[in-house]
C-alpha cells in the first residue's frame, strides 16, 4: 500500500471510532418528567402501565420515571393522569 492509501485508512478509522463513542442523548437533553438512564429498562404507557420487563439493558437515553407513563405525543405523565 502506498502512503496515500494508508493515510485515508487511518482517517477513516479515526472517524469511525469517534462516532462509535459519541453519546446519544445526555441527561441535559431529557424533557420534563424524564430521567436519563445509562442502562434503560422497559417503560410503560397508559394502555400498558406495567409491561413485562427483562433485565436486559436498553440503550442509554431518557425514560419515564417510576409511576409515569409515556403518552402518544412522547411526554411522560403520572399514571394517575392516564385517561
PDB file of N, CA and C in Angstrom:
ATOM      1  N   UNK A   1       0.838  -1.185   0.000  1.00  0.00           N
ATOM      2  CA  UNK A   1       0.000   0.000   0.000  1.00  0.00           C
ATOM      3  C   UNK A   1       0.881   1.245   0.000  1.00  0.00           C
ATOM      4  N   UNK A   2       0.392   2.247  -0.654  1.00  0.00           N
ATOM      5  CA  UNK A   2       1.163   3.483  -0.668  1.00  0.00           C
ATOM      6  C   UNK A   2       0.748   4.376   0.502  1.00  0.00           C
ATOM      7  N   UNK A   3       1.482   5.435   0.712  1.00  0.00           N
ATOM      8  CA  UNK A   3       1.258   6.325   1.862  1.00  0.00           C
ATOM      9  C   UNK A   3      -0.114   6.993   1.806  1.00  0.00           C
ATOM     10  N   UNK A   4      -0.590   7.318   0.619  1.00  0.00           N
ATOM     11  CA  UNK A   4      -1.893   7.973   0.485  1.00  0.00           C
ATOM     12  C   UNK A   4      -3.013   7.034   0.937  1.00  0.00           C
ATOM     13  N   UNK A   5      -2.944   5.772   0.535  1.00  0.00           N
ATOM     14  CA  UNK A   5      -3.959   4.789   0.924  1.00  0.00           C
ATOM     15  C   UNK A   5      -3.951   4.575   2.429  1.00  0.00           C
ATOM     16  N   UNK A   6      -2.776   4.479   3.019  1.00  0.00           N
ATOM     17  CA  UNK A   6      -2.664   4.293   4.471  1.00  0.00           C
ATOM     18  C   UNK A   6      -3.236   5.504   5.199  1.00  0.00           C
ATOM     19  N   UNK A   7      -2.938   6.696   4.712  1.00  0.00           N
ATOM     20  CA  UNK A   7      -3.473   7.911   5.344  1.00  0.00           C
ATOM     21  C   UNK A   7      -4.995   7.931   5.302  1.00  0.00           C
ATOM     22  N   UNK A   8      -5.566   7.566   4.174  1.00  0.00           N
ATOM     23  CA  UNK A   8      -7.027   7.535   4.048  1.00  0.00           C
ATOM     24  C   UNK A   8      -7.619   6.509   5.007  1.00  0.00           C
ATOM     25  N   UNK A   9      -7.007   5.343   5.113  1.00  0.00           N
ATOM     26  CA  UNK A   9      -7.499   4.312   6.032  1.00  0.00           C
ATOM     27  C   UNK A   9      -7.416   4.770   7.486  1.00  0.00           C
ATOM     28  N   UNK A  10      -6.343   5.439   7.855  1.00  0.00           N
ATOM     29  CA  UNK A  10      -6.191   5.936   9.225  1.00  0.00           C
ATOM     30  C   UNK A  10      -7.257   6.988   9.526  1.00  0.00           C
ATOM     31  N   UNK A  11      -7.481   7.905   8.605  1.00  0.00           N
ATOM     32  CA  UNK A  11      -8.506   8.937   8.808  1.00  0.00           C
ATOM     33  C   UNK A  11      -9.882   8.293   8.938  1.00  0.00           C
ATOM     34  N   UNK A  12     -10.184   7.333   8.083  1.00  0.00           N
ATOM     35  CA  UNK A  12     -11.468   6.640   8.154  1.00  0.00           C
ATOM     36  C   UNK A  12     -11.626   5.925   9.498  1.00  0.00           C
ATOM     37  N   UNK A  13     -10.577   5.252   9.960  1.00  0.00           N
ATOM     38  CA  UNK A  13     -10.638   4.546  11.242  1.00  0.00           C
ATOM     39  C   UNK A  13     -10.861   5.516  12.397  1.00  0.00           C
ATOM     40  N   UNK A  14     -10.201   6.666  12.373  1.00  0.00           N
ATOM     41  CA  UNK A  14     -10.388   7.660  13.429  1.00  0.00           C
ATOM     42  C   UNK A  14     -11.808   8.213  13.429  1.00  0.00           C
ATOM     43  N   UNK A  15     -12.344   8.501  12.258  1.00  0.00           N
ATOM     44  CA  UNK A  15     -13.718   8.998  12.173  1.00  0.00           C
ATOM     45  C   UNK A  15     -14.712   7.954  12.666  1.00  0.00           C
ATOM     46  N   UNK A  16     -14.523   6.718  12.264  1.00  0.00           N
ATOM     47  CA  UNK A  16     -15.435   5.649  12.678  1.00  0.00           C
ATOM     48  C   UNK A  16     -15.386   5.440  14.185  1.00  0.00           C
ATOM     49  N   UNK A  17     -14.198   5.478  14.770  1.00  0.00           N
ATOM     50  CA  UNK A  17     -14.100   5.267  16.216  1.00  0.00           C
ATOM     51  C   UNK A  17     -14.671   6.442  16.993  1.00  0.00           C
ATOM     52  N   UNK A  18     -14.532   7.654  16.479  1.00  0.00           N
ATOM     53  CA  UNK A  18     -15.092   8.803  17.200  1.00  0.00           C
ATOM     54  C   UNK A  18     -16.611   8.781  17.156  1.00  0.00           C
ATOM     55  N   UNK A  19     -17.202   8.304  16.080  1.00  0.00           N
ATOM     56  CA  UNK A  19     -18.659   8.209  16.007  1.00  0.00           C
ATOM     57  C   UNK A  19     -19.174   7.087  16.891  1.00  0.00           C
ATOM     58  N   UNK A  20     -18.411   6.040  17.065  1.00  0.00           N
ATOM     59  CA  UNK A  20     -18.851   4.907  17.875  1.00  0.00           C
ATOM     60  C   UNK A  20     -18.938   5.266  19.347  1.00  0.00           C
ATOM     61  N   UNK A  21     -18.132   6.187  19.828  1.00  0.00           N
ATOM     62  CA  UNK A  21     -18.149   6.534  21.245  1.00  0.00           C
ATOM     63  C   UNK A  21     -18.917   7.814  21.535  1.00  0.00           C
ATOM     64  N   UNK A  22     -19.482   8.443  20.523  1.00  0.00           N
ATOM     65  CA  UNK A  22     -20.251   9.660  20.763  1.00  0.00           C
ATOM     66  C   UNK A  22     -21.537   9.322  21.493  1.00  0.00           C
ATOM     67  N   UNK A  23     -21.825  10.012  22.591  1.00  0.00           N
ATOM     68  CA  UNK A  23     -23.062   9.725  23.306  1.00  0.00           C
ATOM     69  C   UNK A  23     -24.263  10.175  22.501  1.00  0.00           C
ATOM     70  N   UNK A  24     -25.393   9.481  22.692  1.00  0.00           N
ATOM     71  CA  UNK A  24     -26.630   9.863  22.029  1.00  0.00           C
ATOM     72  C   UNK A  24     -27.214  11.078  22.725  1.00  0.00           C
ATOM     73  N   UNK A  25     -28.078  10.844  23.655  1.00  0.00           N
ATOM     74  CA  UNK A  25     -28.665  11.937  24.428  1.00  0.00           C
ATOM     75  C   UNK A  25     -27.999  11.957  25.790  1.00  0.00           C
ATOM     76  N   UNK A  26     -27.925  13.122  26.367  1.00  0.00           N
ATOM     77  CA  UNK A  26     -27.361  13.238  27.705  1.00  0.00           C
ATOM     78  C   UNK A  26     -28.465  13.623  28.671  1.00  0.00           C
ATOM     79  N   UNK A  27     -28.117  13.630  29.929  1.00  0.00           N
ATOM     80  CA  UNK A  27     -29.084  13.961  30.970  1.00  0.00           C
ATOM     81  C   UNK A  27     -29.691  15.343  30.728  1.00  0.00           C
ATOM     82  N   UNK A  28     -28.898  16.257  30.206  1.00  0.00           N
ATOM     83  CA  UNK A  28     -29.381  17.610  29.964  1.00  0.00           C
ATOM     84  C   UNK A  28     -30.426  17.655  28.848  1.00  0.00           C
ATOM     85  N   UNK A  29     -30.447  16.642  27.991  1.00  0.00           N
ATOM     86  CA  UNK A  29     -31.385  16.611  26.875  1.00  0.00           C
ATOM     87  C   UNK A  29     -32.759  16.083  27.263  1.00  0.00           C
ATOM     88  N   UNK A  30     -32.885  15.499  28.441  1.00  0.00           N
ATOM     89  CA  UNK A  30     -34.152  14.888  28.841  1.00  0.00           C
ATOM     90  C   UNK A  30     -35.213  15.958  29.072  1.00  0.00           C
ATOM     91  N   UNK A  31     -36.433  15.603  28.716  1.00  0.00           N
ATOM     92  CA  UNK A  31     -37.546  16.522  28.888  1.00  0.00           C
ATOM     93  C   UNK A  31     -38.090  16.491  30.299  1.00  0.00           C
ATOM     94  N   UNK A  32     -39.147  17.231  30.487  1.00  0.00           N
ATOM     95  CA  UNK A  32     -39.791  17.277  31.789  1.00  0.00           C
ATOM     96  C   UNK A  32     -40.370  15.900  32.098  1.00  0.00           C
ATOM     97  N   UNK A  33     -40.272  15.487  33.335  1.00  0.00           N
ATOM     98  CA  UNK A  33     -40.735  14.173  33.800  1.00  0.00           C
ATOM     99  C   UNK A  33     -39.995  13.016  33.138  1.00  0.00           C
ATOM    100  N   UNK A  34     -38.752  13.233  32.700  1.00  0.00           N
ATOM    101  CA  UNK A  34     -37.920  12.163  32.160  1.00  0.00           C
ATOM    102  C   UNK A  34     -36.643  12.071  32.983  1.00  0.00           C
ATOM    103  N   UNK A  35     -36.081  10.871  33.041  1.00  0.00           N
ATOM    104  CA  UNK A  35     -34.803  10.653  33.715  1.00  0.00           C
ATOM    105  C   UNK A  35     -33.854   9.981  32.726  1.00  0.00           C
ATOM    106  N   UNK A  36     -32.567  10.314  32.832  1.00  0.00           N
ATOM    107  CA  UNK A  36     -31.562   9.706  31.965  1.00  0.00           C
ATOM    108  C   UNK A  36     -31.077   8.422  32.610  1.00  0.00           C
ATOM    109  N   UNK A  37     -31.058   7.353  31.844  1.00  0.00           N
ATOM    110  CA  UNK A  37     -30.555   6.065  32.333  1.00  0.00           C
ATOM    111  C   UNK A  37     -29.500   5.552  31.361  1.00  0.00           C
ATOM    112  N   UNK A  38     -28.365   5.121  31.915  1.00  0.00           N
ATOM    113  CA  UNK A  38     -27.331   4.528  31.074  1.00  0.00           C
ATOM    114  C   UNK A  38     -27.696   3.101  30.709  1.00  0.00           C
ATOM    115  N   UNK A  39     -28.501   2.466  31.538  1.00  0.00           N
ATOM    116  CA  UNK A  39     -28.996   1.115  31.275  1.00  0.00           C
ATOM    117  C   UNK A  39     -30.515   1.205  31.313  1.00  0.00           C
ATOM    118  N   UNK A  40     -31.104   1.525  30.180  1.00  0.00           N
ATOM    119  CA  UNK A  40     -32.545   1.721  30.128  1.00  0.00           C
ATOM    120  C   UNK A  40     -33.315   0.438  30.369  1.00  0.00           C
ATOM    121  N   UNK A  41     -34.509   0.607  30.882  1.00  0.00           N
ATOM    122  CA  UNK A  41     -35.389  -0.529  31.115  1.00  0.00           C
ATOM    123  C   UNK A  41     -36.639  -0.385  30.289  1.00  0.00           C
ATOM    124  N   UNK A  42     -37.643  -1.154  30.643  1.00  0.00           N
ATOM    125  CA  UNK A  42     -38.889  -1.025  29.896  1.00  0.00           C
ATOM    126  C   UNK A  42     -39.704   0.109  30.496  1.00  0.00           C
ATOM    127  N   UNK A  43     -40.516   0.667  29.672  1.00  0.00           N
ATOM    128  CA  UNK A  43     -41.242   1.863  30.050  1.00  0.00           C
ATOM    129  C   UNK A  43     -42.716   1.630  29.743  1.00  0.00           C
ATOM    130  N   UNK A  44     -43.566   2.018  30.675  1.00  0.00           N
ATOM    131  CA  UNK A  44     -44.993   1.813  30.492  1.00  0.00           C
ATOM    132  C   UNK A  44     -45.650   2.893  29.659  1.00  0.00           C
ATOM    133  N   UNK A  45     -46.840   2.562  29.198  1.00  0.00           N
ATOM    134  CA  UNK A  45     -47.702   3.520  28.517  1.00  0.00           C
ATOM    135  C   UNK A  45     -49.013   3.550  29.288  1.00  0.00           C
ATOM    136  N   UNK A  46     -49.901   4.455  28.934  1.00  0.00           N
ATOM    137  CA  UNK A  46     -51.197   4.478  29.617  1.00  0.00           C
ATOM    138  C   UNK A  46     -51.970   3.190  29.351  1.00  0.00           C
ATOM    139  N   UNK A  47     -51.830   2.637  28.141  1.00  0.00           N
ATOM    140  CA  UNK A  47     -52.521   1.392  27.803  1.00  0.00           C
ATOM    141  C   UNK A  47     -51.913   0.192  28.524  1.00  0.00           C
ATOM    142  N   UNK A  48     -50.604   0.200  28.733  1.00  0.00           N
ATOM    143  CA  UNK A  48     -49.893  -0.889  29.411  1.00  0.00           C
ATOM    144  C   UNK A  48     -48.953  -0.262  30.428  1.00  0.00           C
ATOM    145  N   UNK A  49     -49.483   0.125  31.606  1.00  0.00           N
ATOM    146  CA  UNK A  49     -48.655   0.852  32.568  1.00  0.00           C
ATOM    147  C   UNK A  49     -47.523   0.028  33.183  1.00  0.00           C
ATOM    148  N   UNK A  50     -47.699  -1.278  33.260  1.00  0.00           N
ATOM    149  CA  UNK A  50     -46.666  -2.137  33.856  1.00  0.00           C
ATOM    150  C   UNK A  50     -46.359  -3.292  32.906  1.00  0.00           C
ATOM    151  N   UNK A  51     -45.625  -3.020  31.821  1.00  0.00           N
ATOM    152  CA  UNK A  51     -45.331  -4.078  30.854  1.00  0.00           C
ATOM    153  C   UNK A  51     -44.355  -5.092  31.432  1.00  0.00           C
ATOM    154  N   UNK A  52     -44.374  -6.329  30.911  1.00  0.00           N
ATOM    155  CA  UNK A  52     -43.383  -7.304  31.362  1.00  0.00           C
ATOM    156  C   UNK A  52     -41.983  -6.821  30.971  1.00  0.00           C
ATOM    157  N   UNK A  53     -41.051  -6.944  31.883  1.00  0.00           N
ATOM    158  CA  UNK A  53     -39.692  -6.439  31.655  1.00  0.00           C
ATOM    159  C   UNK A  53     -38.672  -7.556  31.788  1.00  0.00           C
ATOM    160  N   UNK A  54     -37.554  -7.370  31.122  1.00  0.00           N
ATOM    161  CA  UNK A  54     -36.403  -8.251  31.301  1.00  0.00           C
ATOM    162  C   UNK A  54     -35.302  -7.433  31.962  1.00  0.00           C
ATOM    163  N   UNK A  55     -34.257  -8.091  32.372  1.00  0.00           N
ATOM    164  CA  UNK A  55     -33.132  -7.390  32.994  1.00  0.00           C
ATOM    165  C   UNK A  55     -32.127  -6.892  31.950  1.00  0.00           C
ATOM    166  N   UNK A  56     -32.403  -7.127  30.680  1.00  0.00           N
ATOM    167  CA  UNK A  56     -31.505  -6.656  29.625  1.00  0.00           C
ATOM    168  C   UNK A  56     -31.567  -5.136  29.527  1.00  0.00           C
ATOM    169  N   UNK A  57     -30.406  -4.523  29.374  1.00  0.00           N
ATOM    170  CA  UNK A  57     -30.343  -3.064  29.235  1.00  0.00           C
ATOM    171  C   UNK A  57     -30.806  -2.648  27.854  1.00  0.00           C
ATOM    172  N   UNK A  58     -31.577  -1.603  27.829  1.00  0.00           N
ATOM    173  CA  UNK A  58     -31.916  -0.952  26.568  1.00  0.00           C
ATOM    174  C   UNK A  58     -30.913   0.194  26.406  1.00  0.00           C
ATOM    175  N   UNK A  59     -30.810   0.785  25.230  1.00  0.00           N
ATOM    176  CA  UNK A  59     -29.818   1.853  25.026  1.00  0.00           C
ATOM    177  C   UNK A  59     -29.977   3.000  26.021  1.00  0.00           C
ATOM    178  N   UNK A  60     -28.863   3.626  26.337  1.00  0.00           N
ATOM    179  CA  UNK A  60     -28.897   4.788  27.232  1.00  0.00           C
ATOM    180  C   UNK A  60     -29.772   5.864  26.621  1.00  0.00           C
ATOM    181  N   UNK A  61     -30.514   6.550  27.471  1.00  0.00           N
ATOM    182  CA  UNK A  61     -31.376   7.610  26.976  1.00  0.00           C
ATOM    183  C   UNK A  61     -32.333   8.097  28.035  1.00  0.00           C
ATOM    184  N   UNK A  62     -33.308   8.852  27.612  1.00  0.00           N
ATOM    185  CA  UNK A  62     -34.301   9.438  28.510  1.00  0.00           C
ATOM    186  C   UNK A  62     -35.508   8.517  28.607  1.00  0.00           C
ATOM    187  N   UNK A  63     -35.897   8.217  29.830  1.00  0.00           N
ATOM    188  CA  UNK A  63     -37.012   7.311  30.097  1.00  0.00           C
ATOM    189  C   UNK A  63     -37.947   7.954  31.108  1.00  0.00           C
ATOM    190  N   UNK A  64     -39.196   7.483  31.109  1.00  0.00           N
ATOM    191  CA  UNK A  64     -40.145   7.934  32.125  1.00  0.00           C
ATOM    192  C   UNK A  64     -39.744   7.321  33.462  1.00  0.00           C
ATOM    193  N   UNK A  65     -39.849   8.079  34.558  1.00  0.00           N
ATOM    194  CA  UNK A  65     -39.534   7.521  35.874  1.00  0.00           C
ATOM    195  C   UNK A  65     -40.640   6.572  36.342  1.00  0.00           C
ATOM    196  N   UNK A  66     -40.390   5.929  37.458  1.00  0.00           N
ATOM    197  CA  UNK A  66     -41.364   5.010  38.051  1.00  0.00           C
ATOM    198  C   UNK A  66     -42.681   5.753  38.295  1.00  0.00           C
ATOM    199  N   UNK A  67     -43.779   5.051  38.082  1.00  0.00           N
ATOM    200  CA  UNK A  67     -45.138   5.586  38.255  1.00  0.00           C
ATOM    201  C   UNK A  67     -45.493   6.668  37.238  1.00  0.00           C
ATOM    202  N   UNK A  68     -44.791   6.708  36.112  1.00  0.00           N
ATOM    203  CA  UNK A  68     -45.107   7.588  34.995  1.00  0.00           C
ATOM    204  C   UNK A  68     -45.268   6.724  33.749  1.00  0.00           C
ATOM    205  N   UNK A  69     -45.983   7.232  32.766  1.00  0.00           N
ATOM    206  CA  UNK A  69     -46.183   6.514  31.508  1.00  0.00           C
ATOM    207  C   UNK A  69     -45.939   7.460  30.344  1.00  0.00           C
ATOM    208  N   UNK A  70     -45.471   6.892  29.240  1.00  0.00           N
ATOM    209  CA  UNK A  70     -45.251   7.699  28.040  1.00  0.00           C
ATOM    210  C   UNK A  70     -46.549   7.704  27.231  1.00  0.00           C
ATOM    211  N   UNK A  71     -47.000   8.903  26.874  1.00  0.00           N
ATOM    212  CA  UNK A  71     -48.234   9.049  26.101  1.00  0.00           C
ATOM    213  C   UNK A  71     -47.900   9.237  24.621  1.00  0.00           C
ATOM    214  N   UNK A  72     -48.929   9.247  23.784  1.00  0.00           N
ATOM    215  CA  UNK A  72     -48.736   9.262  22.329  1.00  0.00           C
ATOM    216  C   UNK A  72     -47.891  10.423  21.820  1.00  0.00           C
ATOM    217  N   UNK A  73     -47.943  11.575  22.466  1.00  0.00           N
ATOM    218  CA  UNK A  73     -47.154  12.721  21.989  1.00  0.00           C
ATOM    219  C   UNK A  73     -45.701  12.666  22.458  1.00  0.00           C
ATOM    220  N   UNK A  74     -45.330  11.615  23.212  1.00  0.00           N
ATOM    221  CA  UNK A  74     -43.951  11.432  23.654  1.00  0.00           C
ATOM    222  C   UNK A  74     -43.657  11.921  25.053  1.00  0.00           C
ATOM    223  N   UNK A  75     -44.614  12.598  25.693  1.00  0.00           N
ATOM    224  CA  UNK A  75     -44.408  13.097  27.053  1.00  0.00           C
ATOM    225  C   UNK A  75     -44.587  11.983  28.077  1.00  0.00           C
ATOM    226  N   UNK A  76     -43.983  12.178  29.248  1.00  0.00           N
ATOM    227  CA  UNK A  76     -44.187  11.284  30.387  1.00  0.00           C
ATOM    228  C   UNK A  76     -45.171  11.958  31.339  1.00  0.00           C
ATOM    229  N   UNK A  77     -46.216  11.226  31.699  1.00  0.00           N
ATOM    230  CA  UNK A  77     -47.230  11.772  32.605  1.00  0.00           C
ATOM    231  C   UNK A  77     -47.397  10.830  33.787  1.00  0.00           C
ATOM    232  N   UNK A  78     -47.814  11.357  34.951  1.00  0.00           N
ATOM    233  CA  UNK A  78     -48.090  10.471  36.081  1.00  0.00           C
ATOM    234  C   UNK A  78     -49.188   9.479  35.701  1.00  0.00           C
ATOM    235  N   UNK A  79     -49.069   8.243  36.191  1.00  0.00           N
ATOM    236  CA  UNK A  79     -50.069   7.222  35.866  1.00  0.00           C
ATOM    237  C   UNK A  79     -51.478   7.686  36.211  1.00  0.00           C
ATOM    238  N   UNK A  80     -51.624   8.492  37.259  1.00  0.00           N
ATOM    239  CA  UNK A  80     -52.933   8.996  37.660  1.00  0.00           C
ATOM    240  C   UNK A  80     -53.583   9.903  36.623  1.00  0.00           C
ATOM    241  N   UNK A  81     -52.787  10.436  35.682  1.00  0.00           N
ATOM    242  CA  UNK A  81     -53.339  11.314  34.646  1.00  0.00           C
ATOM    243  C   UNK A  81     -53.695  10.561  33.369  1.00  0.00           C
ATOM    244  N   UNK A  82     -53.482   9.243  33.351  1.00  0.00           N
ATOM    245  CA  UNK A  82     -53.873   8.447  32.184  1.00  0.00           C
ATOM    246  C   UNK A  82     -55.392   8.357  32.143  1.00  0.00           C
ATOM    247  N   UNK A  83     -55.963   8.604  30.971  1.00  0.00           N
ATOM    248  CA  UNK A  83     -57.430   8.580  30.839  1.00  0.00           C
ATOM    249  C   UNK A  83     -57.934   7.172  30.623  1.00  0.00           C
TER     250      UNK A  83
END
